[in-house]
Amino acid sequence: IELIGVEDKEFIIRNAIQKIRDNYDYIIIDCPPSL
């Protein structure tokens, strides 16, 4: 709800994780049980 109207809100986590991605062999994301 708080992100309504925020530009590129689908990419918030991707943009954040790009900065640290090279520090890891695997990144495992637990998603909520809904789409």
Full PDB file with SEQRES, HELIX, SHEET, SSBOND, CRYST1, ORIGX, SCALE, CONECT and MASTER records, all heavy atoms in Angstrom:
SEQRES   1 A   35  ILE GLU LEU ILE GLY VAL GLU ASP LYS GLU PHE ILE ILE          
SEQRES   2 A   35  ARG ASN ALA ILE GLN LYS ILE ARG ASP ASN TYR ASP TYR          
SEQRES   3 A   35  ILE ILE ILE ASP CYS PRO PRO SER LEU                          
HELIX    1 AA1 LYS A    9  PHE A   11  5                                   3    
HELIX    2 AA2 ILE A   12  GLN A   18  1                                   7    
HELIX    3 AA3 ARG A   21  ASN A   23  5                                   3    
CRYST1    1.000    1.000    1.000  90.00  90.00  90.00 P 1           1          
ORIGX1      1.000000  0.000000  0.000000        0.00000                         
ORIGX2      0.000000  1.000000  0.000000        0.00000                         
ORIGX3      0.000000  0.000000  1.000000        0.00000                         
SCALE1      1.000000  0.000000  0.000000        0.00000                         
SCALE2      0.000000  1.000000  0.000000        0.00000                         
SCALE3      0.000000  0.000000  1.000000        0.00000                         
ATOM      1  N   ILE A   1       0.842  -1.205   0.000  1.00  0.00           N  
ATOM      2  CA  ILE A   1       0.000   0.000   0.000  1.00  0.00           C  
ATOM      3  C   ILE A   1       0.873   1.250   0.000  1.00  0.00           C  
ATOM      4  O   ILE A   1       0.622   2.204  -0.723  1.00  0.00           O  
ATOM      5  CB  ILE A   1      -0.929  -0.011   1.241  1.00  0.00           C  
ATOM      6  CG1 ILE A   1      -1.892  -1.188   1.128  1.00  0.00           C  
ATOM      7  CG2 ILE A   1      -1.700   1.284   1.381  1.00  0.00           C  
ATOM      8  CD1 ILE A   1      -2.461  -1.686   2.401  1.00  0.00           C  
ATOM      9  N   GLU A   2       1.943   1.213   0.791  1.00  0.00           N  
ATOM     10  CA  GLU A   2       2.825   2.385   0.883  1.00  0.00           C  
ATOM     11  C   GLU A   2       3.554   2.672  -0.424  1.00  0.00           C  
ATOM     12  O   GLU A   2       3.990   3.792  -0.661  1.00  0.00           O  
ATOM     13  CB  GLU A   2       3.849   2.185   2.010  1.00  0.00           C  
ATOM     14  CG  GLU A   2       3.195   2.141   3.384  1.00  0.00           C  
ATOM     15  CD  GLU A   2       4.213   2.044   4.499  1.00  0.00           C  
ATOM     16  OE1 GLU A   2       5.193   2.795   4.449  1.00  0.00           O  
ATOM     17  OE2 GLU A   2       4.016   1.222   5.408  1.00  0.00           O  
ATOM     18  N   LEU A   3       3.681   1.643  -1.271  1.00  0.00           N  
ATOM     19  CA  LEU A   3       4.442   1.819  -2.516  1.00  0.00           C  
ATOM     20  C   LEU A   3       3.557   2.202  -3.708  1.00  0.00           C  
ATOM     21  O   LEU A   3       4.045   2.322  -4.820  1.00  0.00           O  
ATOM     22  CB  LEU A   3       5.206   0.530  -2.844  1.00  0.00           C  
ATOM     23  CG  LEU A   3       6.351   0.200  -1.877  1.00  0.00           C  
ATOM     24  CD1 LEU A   3       6.893  -1.191  -2.139  1.00  0.00           C  
ATOM     25  CD2 LEU A   3       7.473   1.233  -1.975  1.00  0.00           C  
ATOM     26  N   ILE A   4       2.266   2.378  -3.467  1.00  0.00           N  
ATOM     27  CA  ILE A   4       1.379   2.784  -4.571  1.00  0.00           C  
ATOM     28  C   ILE A   4       1.890   4.104  -5.146  1.00  0.00           C  
ATOM     29  O   ILE A   4       2.138   5.069  -4.423  1.00  0.00           O  
ATOM     30  CB  ILE A   4      -0.089   2.932  -4.076  1.00  0.00           C  
ATOM     31  CG1 ILE A   4      -0.672   1.549  -3.778  1.00  0.00           C  
ATOM     32  CG2 ILE A   4      -0.949   3.663  -5.102  1.00  0.00           C  
ATOM     33  CD1 ILE A   4      -2.021   1.562  -3.091  1.00  0.00           C  
ATOM     34  N   GLY A   5       2.063   4.119  -6.455  1.00  0.00           N  
ATOM     35  CA  GLY A   5       2.518   5.344  -7.119  1.00  0.00           C  
ATOM     36  C   GLY A   5       4.026   5.509  -7.162  1.00  0.00           C  
ATOM     37  O   GLY A   5       4.532   6.435  -7.799  1.00  0.00           O  
ATOM     38  N   VAL A   6       4.753   4.621  -6.500  1.00  0.00           N  
ATOM     39  CA  VAL A   6       6.220   4.709  -6.526  1.00  0.00           C  
ATOM     40  C   VAL A   6       6.725   4.143  -7.856  1.00  0.00           C  
ATOM     41  O   VAL A   6       6.317   3.067  -8.289  1.00  0.00           O  
ATOM     42  CB  VAL A   6       6.842   3.923  -5.346  1.00  0.00           C  
ATOM     43  CG1 VAL A   6       8.356   3.839  -5.485  1.00  0.00           C  
ATOM     44  CG2 VAL A   6       6.460   4.573  -4.025  1.00  0.00           C  
ATOM     45  N   GLU A   7       7.600   4.889  -8.493  1.00  0.00           N  
ATOM     46  CA  GLU A   7       8.119   4.465  -9.802  1.00  0.00           C  
ATOM     47  C   GLU A   7       9.053   3.251  -9.644  1.00  0.00           C  
ATOM     48  O   GLU A   7       9.824   3.162  -8.691  1.00  0.00           O  
ATOM     49  CB  GLU A   7       8.906   5.632 -10.421  1.00  0.00           C  
ATOM     50  CG  GLU A   7       8.978   5.552 -11.934  1.00  0.00           C  
ATOM     51  CD  GLU A   7       9.602   6.812 -12.519  1.00  0.00           C  
ATOM     52  OE1 GLU A   7       9.183   7.927 -12.139  1.00  0.00           O  
ATOM     53  OE2 GLU A   7      10.509   6.660 -13.340  1.00  0.00           O  
ATOM     54  N   ASP A   8       8.953   2.330 -10.588  1.00  0.00           N  
ATOM     55  CA  ASP A   8       9.819   1.135 -10.607  1.00  0.00           C  
ATOM     56  C   ASP A   8       9.772   0.338  -9.299  1.00  0.00           C  
ATOM     57  O   ASP A   8      10.771  -0.248  -8.862  1.00  0.00           O  
ATOM     58  CB  ASP A   8      11.287   1.528 -10.897  1.00  0.00           C  
ATOM     59  CG  ASP A   8      11.477   1.910 -12.363  1.00  0.00           C  
ATOM     60  OD1 ASP A   8      10.618   1.544 -13.184  1.00  0.00           O  
ATOM     61  OD2 ASP A   8      12.472   2.579 -12.663  1.00  0.00           O  
ATOM     62  N   LYS A   9       8.601   0.295  -8.669  1.00  0.00           N  
ATOM     63  CA  LYS A   9       8.507  -0.411  -7.376  1.00  0.00           C  
ATOM     64  C   LYS A   9       8.720  -1.912  -7.519  1.00  0.00           C  
ATOM     65  O   LYS A   9       9.048  -2.584  -6.550  1.00  0.00           O  
ATOM     66  CB  LYS A   9       7.168  -0.129  -6.694  1.00  0.00           C  
ATOM     67  CG  LYS A   9       5.926  -0.546  -7.461  1.00  0.00           C  
ATOM     68  CD  LYS A   9       4.680  -0.234  -6.619  1.00  0.00           C  
ATOM     69  CE  LYS A   9       3.393  -0.590  -7.353  1.00  0.00           C  
ATOM     70  NZ  LYS A   9       3.062   0.387  -8.404  1.00  0.00           N  
ATOM     71  N   GLU A  10       8.582  -2.434  -8.754  1.00  0.00           N  
ATOM     72  CA  GLU A  10       8.822  -3.874  -8.972  1.00  0.00           C  
ATOM     73  C   GLU A  10      10.306  -4.225  -8.859  1.00  0.00           C  
ATOM     74  O   GLU A  10      10.653  -5.399  -8.762  1.00  0.00           O  
ATOM     75  CB  GLU A  10       8.341  -4.299 -10.370  1.00  0.00           C  
ATOM     76  CG  GLU A  10       6.873  -4.092 -10.632  1.00  0.00           C  
ATOM     77  CD  GLU A  10       6.567  -2.689 -11.168  1.00  0.00           C  
ATOM     78  OE1 GLU A  10       7.488  -1.861 -11.284  1.00  0.00           O  
ATOM     79  OE2 GLU A  10       5.389  -2.427 -11.465  1.00  0.00           O  
ATOM     80  N   PHE A  11      11.180  -3.215  -8.884  1.00  0.00           N  
ATOM     81  CA  PHE A  11      12.632  -3.474  -8.943  1.00  0.00           C  
ATOM     82  C   PHE A  11      13.391  -3.020  -7.698  1.00  0.00           C  
ATOM     83  O   PHE A  11      14.611  -2.956  -7.709  1.00  0.00           O  
ATOM     84  CB  PHE A  11      13.228  -2.776 -10.174  1.00  0.00           C  
ATOM     85  CG  PHE A  11      12.635  -3.240 -11.473  1.00  0.00           C  
ATOM     86  CD1 PHE A  11      11.751  -2.442 -12.176  1.00  0.00           C  
ATOM     87  CD2 PHE A  11      12.952  -4.495 -11.988  1.00  0.00           C  
ATOM     88  CE1 PHE A  11      11.199  -2.876 -13.374  1.00  0.00           C  
ATOM     89  CE2 PHE A  11      12.412  -4.938 -13.187  1.00  0.00           C  
ATOM     90  CZ  PHE A  11      11.529  -4.129 -13.872  1.00  0.00           C  
ATOM     91  N   ILE A  12      12.667  -2.695  -6.628  1.00  0.00           N  
ATOM     92  CA  ILE A  12      13.337  -2.144  -5.430  1.00  0.00           C  
ATOM     93  C   ILE A  12      14.383  -3.119  -4.886  1.00  0.00           C  
ATOM     94  O   ILE A  12      15.528  -2.751  -4.624  1.00  0.00           O  
ATOM     95  CB  ILE A  12      12.300  -1.801  -4.331  1.00  0.00           C  
ATOM     96  CG1 ILE A  12      11.410  -0.643  -4.805  1.00  0.00           C  
ATOM     97  CG2 ILE A  12      13.012  -1.439  -3.016  1.00  0.00           C  
ATOM     98  CD1 ILE A  12      10.214  -0.366  -3.914  1.00  0.00           C  
ATOM     99  N   ILE A  13      13.983  -4.377  -4.722  1.00  0.00           N  
ATOM    100  CA  ILE A  13      14.905  -5.363  -4.143  1.00  0.00           C  
ATOM    101  C   ILE A  13      16.043  -5.670  -5.123  1.00  0.00           C  
ATOM    102  O   ILE A  13      17.202  -5.759  -4.735  1.00  0.00           O  
ATOM    103  CB  ILE A  13      14.158  -6.649  -3.735  1.00  0.00           C  
ATOM    104  CG1 ILE A  13      13.116  -6.327  -2.662  1.00  0.00           C  
ATOM    105  CG2 ILE A  13      15.131  -7.717  -3.218  1.00  0.00           C  
ATOM    106  CD1 ILE A  13      13.651  -5.703  -1.396  1.00  0.00           C  
ATOM    107  N   ARG A  14      15.699  -5.803  -6.394  1.00  0.00           N  
ATOM    108  CA  ARG A  14      16.751  -6.089  -7.387  1.00  0.00           C  
ATOM    109  C   ARG A  14      17.833  -5.011  -7.367  1.00  0.00           C  
ATOM    110  O   ARG A  14      19.037  -5.311  -7.350  1.00  0.00           O  
ATOM    111  CB  ARG A  14      16.152  -6.185  -8.796  1.00  0.00           C  
ATOM    112  CG  ARG A  14      17.193  -6.611  -9.824  1.00  0.00           C  
ATOM    113  CD  ARG A  14      16.653  -6.673 -11.223  1.00  0.00           C  
ATOM    114  NE  ARG A  14      16.612  -5.355 -11.842  1.00  0.00           N  
ATOM    115  CZ  ARG A  14      16.269  -5.147 -13.108  1.00  0.00           C  
ATOM    116  NH1 ARG A  14      15.912  -6.152 -13.879  1.00  0.00           N  
ATOM    117  NH2 ARG A  14      16.258  -3.937 -13.614  1.00  0.00           N  
ATOM    118  N   ASN A  15      17.402  -3.762  -7.355  1.00  0.00           N  
ATOM    119  CA  ASN A  15      18.375  -2.663  -7.373  1.00  0.00           C  
ATOM    120  C   ASN A  15      19.241  -2.659  -6.118  1.00  0.00           C  
ATOM    121  O   ASN A  15      20.434  -2.347  -6.176  1.00  0.00           O  
ATOM    122  CB  ASN A  15      17.651  -1.317  -7.538  1.00  0.00           C  
ATOM    123  CG  ASN A  15      16.978  -1.202  -8.910  1.00  0.00           C  
ATOM    124  OD1 ASN A  15      17.355  -1.917  -9.846  1.00  0.00           O  
ATOM    125  ND2 ASN A  15      15.980  -0.339  -9.022  1.00  0.00           N  
ATOM    126  N   ALA A  16      18.627  -3.020  -4.985  1.00  0.00           N  
ATOM    127  CA  ALA A  16      19.389  -3.051  -3.725  1.00  0.00           C  
ATOM    128  C   ALA A  16      20.381  -4.213  -3.719  1.00  0.00           C  
ATOM    129  O   ALA A  16      21.541  -4.061  -3.300  1.00  0.00           O  
ATOM    130  CB  ALA A  16      18.424  -3.173  -2.546  1.00  0.00           C  
ATOM    131  N   ILE A  17      19.935  -5.371  -4.184  1.00  0.00           N  
ATOM    132  CA  ILE A  17      20.760  -6.586  -4.108  1.00  0.00           C  
ATOM    133  C   ILE A  17      21.929  -6.541  -5.096  1.00  0.00           C  
ATOM    134  O   ILE A  17      22.985  -7.127  -4.853  1.00  0.00           O  
ATOM    135  CB  ILE A  17      19.885  -7.848  -4.334  1.00  0.00           C  
ATOM    136  CG1 ILE A  17      18.872  -7.994  -3.192  1.00  0.00           C  
ATOM    137  CG2 ILE A  17      20.729  -9.114  -4.456  1.00  0.00           C  
ATOM    138  CD1 ILE A  17      19.462  -8.029  -1.805  1.00  0.00           C  
ATOM    139  N   GLN A  18      21.760  -5.820  -6.208  1.00  0.00           N  
ATOM    140  CA  GLN A  18      22.847  -5.715  -7.200  1.00  0.00           C  
ATOM    141  C   GLN A  18      24.150  -5.258  -6.556  1.00  0.00           C  
ATOM    142  O   GLN A  18      25.237  -5.666  -6.959  1.00  0.00           O  
ATOM    143  CB  GLN A  18      22.461  -4.728  -8.319  1.00  0.00           C  
ATOM    144  CG  GLN A  18      21.412  -5.235  -9.289  1.00  0.00           C  
ATOM    145  CD  GLN A  18      21.848  -6.459 -10.086  1.00  0.00           C  
ATOM    146  OE1 GLN A  18      22.979  -6.929  -9.974  1.00  0.00           O  
ATOM    147  NE2 GLN A  18      20.950  -7.019 -10.882  1.00  0.00           N  
ATOM    148  N   LYS A  19      24.030  -4.408  -5.528  1.00  0.00           N  
ATOM    149  CA  LYS A  19      25.232  -3.841  -4.895  1.00  0.00           C  
ATOM    150  C   LYS A  19      26.056  -4.901  -4.157  1.00  0.00           C  
ATOM    151  O   LYS A  19      27.252  -4.734  -3.966  1.00  0.00           O  
ATOM    152  CB  LYS A  19      24.831  -2.753  -3.886  1.00  0.00           C  
ATOM    153  CG  LYS A  19      24.071  -1.577  -4.477  1.00  0.00           C  
ATOM    154  CD  LYS A  19      23.626  -0.652  -3.347  1.00  0.00           C  
ATOM    155  CE  LYS A  19      22.620   0.383  -3.867  1.00  0.00           C  
ATOM    156  NZ  LYS A  19      22.005   1.122  -2.756  1.00  0.00           N  
ATOM    157  N   ILE A  20      25.379  -5.952  -3.680  1.00  0.00           N  
ATOM    158  CA  ILE A  20      26.084  -6.935  -2.842  1.00  0.00           C  
ATOM    159  C   ILE A  20      26.098  -8.334  -3.454  1.00  0.00           C  
ATOM    160  O   ILE A  20      26.651  -9.271  -2.885  1.00  0.00           O  
ATOM    161  CB  ILE A  20      25.455  -7.011  -1.424  1.00  0.00           C  
ATOM    162  CG1 ILE A  20      23.971  -7.381  -1.505  1.00  0.00           C  
ATOM    163  CG2 ILE A  20      25.654  -5.703  -0.672  1.00  0.00           C  
ATOM    164  CD1 ILE A  20      23.355  -7.740  -0.162  1.00  0.00           C  
ATOM    165  N   ARG A  21      25.522  -8.463  -4.637  1.00  0.00           N  
ATOM    166  CA  ARG A  21      25.355  -9.782  -5.247  1.00  0.00           C  
ATOM    167  C   ARG A  21      26.682 -10.538  -5.383  1.00  0.00           C  
ATOM    168  O   ARG A  21      26.750 -11.748  -5.167  1.00  0.00           O  
ATOM    169  CB  ARG A  21      24.699  -9.610  -6.624  1.00  0.00           C  
ATOM    170  CG  ARG A  21      24.485 -10.904  -7.354  1.00  0.00           C  
ATOM    171  CD  ARG A  21      23.706 -10.710  -8.635  1.00  0.00           C  
ATOM    172  NE  ARG A  21      23.449 -12.010  -9.238  1.00  0.00           N  
ATOM    173  CZ  ARG A  21      22.546 -12.221 -10.178  1.00  0.00           C  
ATOM    174  NH1 ARG A  21      21.806 -11.225 -10.620  1.00  0.00           N  
ATOM    175  NH2 ARG A  21      22.376 -13.424 -10.680  1.00  0.00           N  
ATOM    176  N   ASP A  22      27.725  -9.825  -5.739  1.00  0.00           N  
ATOM    177  CA  ASP A  22      29.018 -10.481  -5.973  1.00  0.00           C  
ATOM    178  C   ASP A  22      29.663 -11.035  -4.692  1.00  0.00           C  
ATOM    179  O   ASP A  22      30.647 -11.757  -4.757  1.00  0.00           O  
ATOM    180  CB  ASP A  22      29.994  -9.509  -6.655  1.00  0.00           C  
ATOM    181  CG  ASP A  22      29.580  -9.230  -8.097  1.00  0.00           C  
ATOM    182  OD1 ASP A  22      28.717  -9.963  -8.611  1.00  0.00           O  
ATOM    183  OD2 ASP A  22      30.104  -8.277  -8.696  1.00  0.00           O  
ATOM    184  N   ASN A  23      29.106 -10.677  -3.538  1.00  0.00           N  
ATOM    185  CA  ASN A  23      29.653 -11.180  -2.271  1.00  0.00           C  
ATOM    186  C   ASN A  23      29.193 -12.605  -1.958  1.00  0.00           C  
ATOM    187  O   ASN A  23      29.662 -13.197  -0.992  1.00  0.00           O  
ATOM    188  CB  ASN A  23      29.215 -10.284  -1.096  1.00  0.00           C  
ATOM    189  CG  ASN A  23      29.666  -8.842  -1.272  1.00  0.00           C  
ATOM    190  OD1 ASN A  23      30.534  -8.567  -2.093  1.00  0.00           O  
ATOM    191  ND2 ASN A  23      29.084  -7.927  -0.528  1.00  0.00           N  
ATOM    192  N   TYR A  24      28.258 -13.120  -2.756  1.00  0.00           N  
ATOM    193  CA  TYR A  24      27.634 -14.410  -2.415  1.00  0.00           C  
ATOM    194  C   TYR A  24      27.680 -15.400  -3.577  1.00  0.00           C  
ATOM    195  O   TYR A  24      27.684 -15.008  -4.746  1.00  0.00           O  
ATOM    196  CB  TYR A  24      26.162 -14.184  -2.013  1.00  0.00           C  
ATOM    197  CG  TYR A  24      26.032 -13.317  -0.797  1.00  0.00           C  
ATOM    198  CD1 TYR A  24      25.785 -11.955  -0.915  1.00  0.00           C  
ATOM    199  CD2 TYR A  24      26.202 -13.848   0.482  1.00  0.00           C  
ATOM    200  CE1 TYR A  24      25.706 -11.135   0.197  1.00  0.00           C  
ATOM    201  CE2 TYR A  24      26.127 -13.044   1.600  1.00  0.00           C  
ATOM    202  CZ  TYR A  24      25.880 -11.689   1.459  1.00  0.00           C  
ATOM    203  OH  TYR A  24      25.809 -10.887   2.570  1.00  0.00           O  
ATOM    204  N   ASP A  25      27.690 -16.692  -3.217  1.00  0.00           N  
ATOM    205  CA  ASP A  25      27.535 -17.751  -4.223  1.00  0.00           C  
ATOM    206  C   ASP A  25      26.060 -17.991  -4.516  1.00  0.00           C  
ATOM    207  O   ASP A  25      25.678 -18.246  -5.659  1.00  0.00           O  
ATOM    208  CB  ASP A  25      28.168 -19.061  -3.721  1.00  0.00           C  
ATOM    209  CG  ASP A  25      29.657 -18.902  -3.466  1.00  0.00           C  
ATOM    210  OD1 ASP A  25      30.361 -18.450  -4.388  1.00  0.00           O  
ATOM    211  OD2 ASP A  25      30.113 -19.211  -2.347  1.00  0.00           O  
ATOM    212  N   TYR A  26      25.250 -17.919  -3.458  1.00  0.00           N  
ATOM    213  CA  TYR A  26      23.802 -18.149  -3.607  1.00  0.00           C  
ATOM    214  C   TYR A  26      23.024 -17.136  -2.786  1.00  0.00           C  
ATOM    215  O   TYR A  26      23.413 -16.809  -1.658  1.00  0.00           O  
ATOM    216  CB  TYR A  26      23.403 -19.560  -3.119  1.00  0.00           C  
ATOM    217  CG  TYR A  26      23.897 -20.645  -4.035  1.00  0.00           C  
ATOM    218  CD1 TYR A  26      25.128 -21.251  -3.809  1.00  0.00           C  
ATOM    219  CD2 TYR A  26      23.155 -21.042  -5.153  1.00  0.00           C  
ATOM    220  CE1 TYR A  26      25.613 -22.222  -4.661  1.00  0.00           C  
ATOM    221  CE2 TYR A  26      23.639 -22.011  -6.003  1.00  0.00           C  
ATOM    222  CZ  TYR A  26      24.856 -22.602  -5.764  1.00  0.00           C  
ATOM    223  OH  TYR A  26      25.321 -23.547  -6.616  1.00  0.00           O  
ATOM    224  N   ILE A  27      21.936 -16.655  -3.384  1.00  0.00           N  
ATOM    225  CA  ILE A  27      20.991 -15.808  -2.662  1.00  0.00           C  
ATOM    226  C   ILE A  27      19.636 -16.503  -2.756  1.00  0.00           C  
ATOM    227  O   ILE A  27      19.138 -16.761  -3.858  1.00  0.00           O  
ATOM    228  CB  ILE A  27      20.938 -14.381  -3.256  1.00  0.00           C  
ATOM    229  CG1 ILE A  27      22.322 -13.720  -3.127  1.00  0.00           C  
ATOM    230  CG2 ILE A  27      19.863 -13.547  -2.566  1.00  0.00           C  
ATOM    231  CD1 ILE A  27      22.449 -12.367  -3.809  1.00  0.00           C  
ATOM    232  N   ILE A  28      19.076 -16.864  -1.594  1.00  0.00           N  
ATOM    233  CA  ILE A  28      17.816 -17.602  -1.549  1.00  0.00           C  
ATOM    234  C   ILE A  28      16.739 -16.672  -0.995  1.00  0.00           C  
ATOM    235  O   ILE A  28      16.898 -16.103   0.088  1.00  0.00           O  
ATOM    236  CB  ILE A  28      17.930 -18.858  -0.647  1.00  0.00           C  
ATOM    237  CG1 ILE A  28      19.128 -19.730  -1.062  1.00  0.00           C  
ATOM    238  CG2 ILE A  28      16.613 -19.642  -0.633  1.00  0.00           C  
ATOM    239  CD1 ILE A  28      18.990 -20.448  -2.373  1.00  0.00           C  
ATOM    240  N   ILE A  29      15.647 -16.506  -1.745  1.00  0.00           N  
ATOM    241  CA  ILE A  29      14.570 -15.601  -1.317  1.00  0.00           C  
ATOM    242  C   ILE A  29      13.328 -16.419  -0.969  1.00  0.00           C  
ATOM    243  O   ILE A  29      12.822 -17.182  -1.793  1.00  0.00           O  
ATOM    244  CB  ILE A  29      14.206 -14.597  -2.440  1.00  0.00           C  
ATOM    245  CG1 ILE A  29      15.458 -13.874  -2.965  1.00  0.00           C  
ATOM    246  CG2 ILE A  29      13.173 -13.590  -1.939  1.00  0.00           C  
ATOM    247  CD1 ILE A  29      15.194 -12.952  -4.159  1.00  0.00           C  
ATOM    248  N   ASP A  30      12.828 -16.231   0.253  1.00  0.00           N  
ATOM    249  CA  ASP A  30      11.565 -16.862   0.649  1.00  0.00           C  
ATOM    250  C   ASP A  30      10.424 -15.907   0.327  1.00  0.00           C  
ATOM    251  O   ASP A  30      10.342 -14.818   0.890  1.00  0.00           O  
ATOM    252  CB  ASP A  30      11.592 -17.188   2.157  1.00  0.00           C  
ATOM    253  CG  ASP A  30      10.369 -18.001   2.574  1.00  0.00           C  
ATOM    254  OD1 ASP A  30       9.828 -18.730   1.726  1.00  0.00           O  
ATOM    255  OD2 ASP A  30       9.966 -17.915   3.749  1.00  0.00           O  
ATOM    256  N   CYS A  31       9.554 -16.314  -0.608  1.00  0.00           N  
ATOM    257  CA  CYS A  31       8.438 -15.461  -1.031  1.00  0.00           C  
ATOM    258  C   CYS A  31       7.220 -15.668  -0.136  1.00  0.00           C  
ATOM    259  O   CYS A  31       7.055 -16.733   0.455  1.00  0.00           O  
ATOM    260  CB  CYS A  31       8.039 -15.803  -2.464  1.00  0.00           C  
ATOM    261  SG  CYS A  31       9.338 -15.531  -3.674  1.00  0.00           S  
ATOM    262  N   PRO A  32       6.328 -14.673  -0.073  1.00  0.00           N  
ATOM    263  CA  PRO A  32       5.070 -14.882   0.651  1.00  0.00           C  
ATOM    264  C   PRO A  32       4.174 -15.862  -0.111  1.00  0.00           C  
ATOM    265  O   PRO A  32       4.360 -16.049  -1.325  1.00  0.00           O  
ATOM    266  CB  PRO A  32       4.441 -13.485   0.689  1.00  0.00           C  
ATOM    267  CG  PRO A  32       5.093 -12.720  -0.406  1.00  0.00           C  
ATOM    268  CD  PRO A  32       6.444 -13.316  -0.618  1.00  0.00           C  
ATOM    269  N   PRO A  33       3.201 -16.497   0.583  1.00  0.00           N  
ATOM    270  CA  PRO A  33       2.341 -17.471  -0.103  1.00  0.00           C  
ATOM    271  C   PRO A  33       1.211 -16.802  -0.883  1.00  0.00           C  
ATOM    272  O   PRO A  33       0.039 -17.149  -0.738  1.00  0.00           O  
ATOM    273  CB  PRO A  33       1.795 -18.313   1.062  1.00  0.00           C  
ATOM    274  CG  PRO A  33       1.809 -17.383   2.217  1.00  0.00           C  
ATOM    275  CD  PRO A  33       2.955 -16.434   2.026  1.00  0.00           C  
ATOM    276  N   SER A  34       1.554 -15.819  -1.699  1.00  0.00           N  
ATOM    277  CA  SER A  34       0.565 -15.158  -2.557  1.00  0.00           C  
ATOM    278  C   SER A  34       1.319 -14.479  -3.688  1.00  0.00           C  
ATOM    279  O   SER A  34       2.517 -14.212  -3.576  1.00  0.00           O  
ATOM    280  CB  SER A  34      -0.228 -14.116  -1.759  1.00  0.00           C  
ATOM    281  OG  SER A  34       0.654 -13.196  -1.158  1.00  0.00           O  
ATOM    282  N   LEU A  35       0.603 -14.204  -4.770  1.00  0.00           N  
ATOM    283  CA  LEU A  35       1.261 -13.568  -5.924  1.00  0.00           C  
ATOM    284  C   LEU A  35       1.006 -12.066  -5.852  1.00  0.00           C  
ATOM    285  O   LEU A  35       0.108 -11.534  -6.489  1.00  0.00           O  
ATOM    286  CB  LEU A  35       0.721 -14.172  -7.226  1.00  0.00           C  
ATOM    287  CG  LEU A  35       0.985 -15.676  -7.375  1.00  0.00           C  
ATOM    288  CD1 LEU A  35       0.334 -16.212  -8.642  1.00  0.00           C  
ATOM    289  CD2 LEU A  35       2.473 -15.979  -7.391  1.00  0.00           C  
TER     290      LEU A  35                                                      
MASTER        0    0    0    3    0    0    0    6  289    1    0    3          
END                                                                             
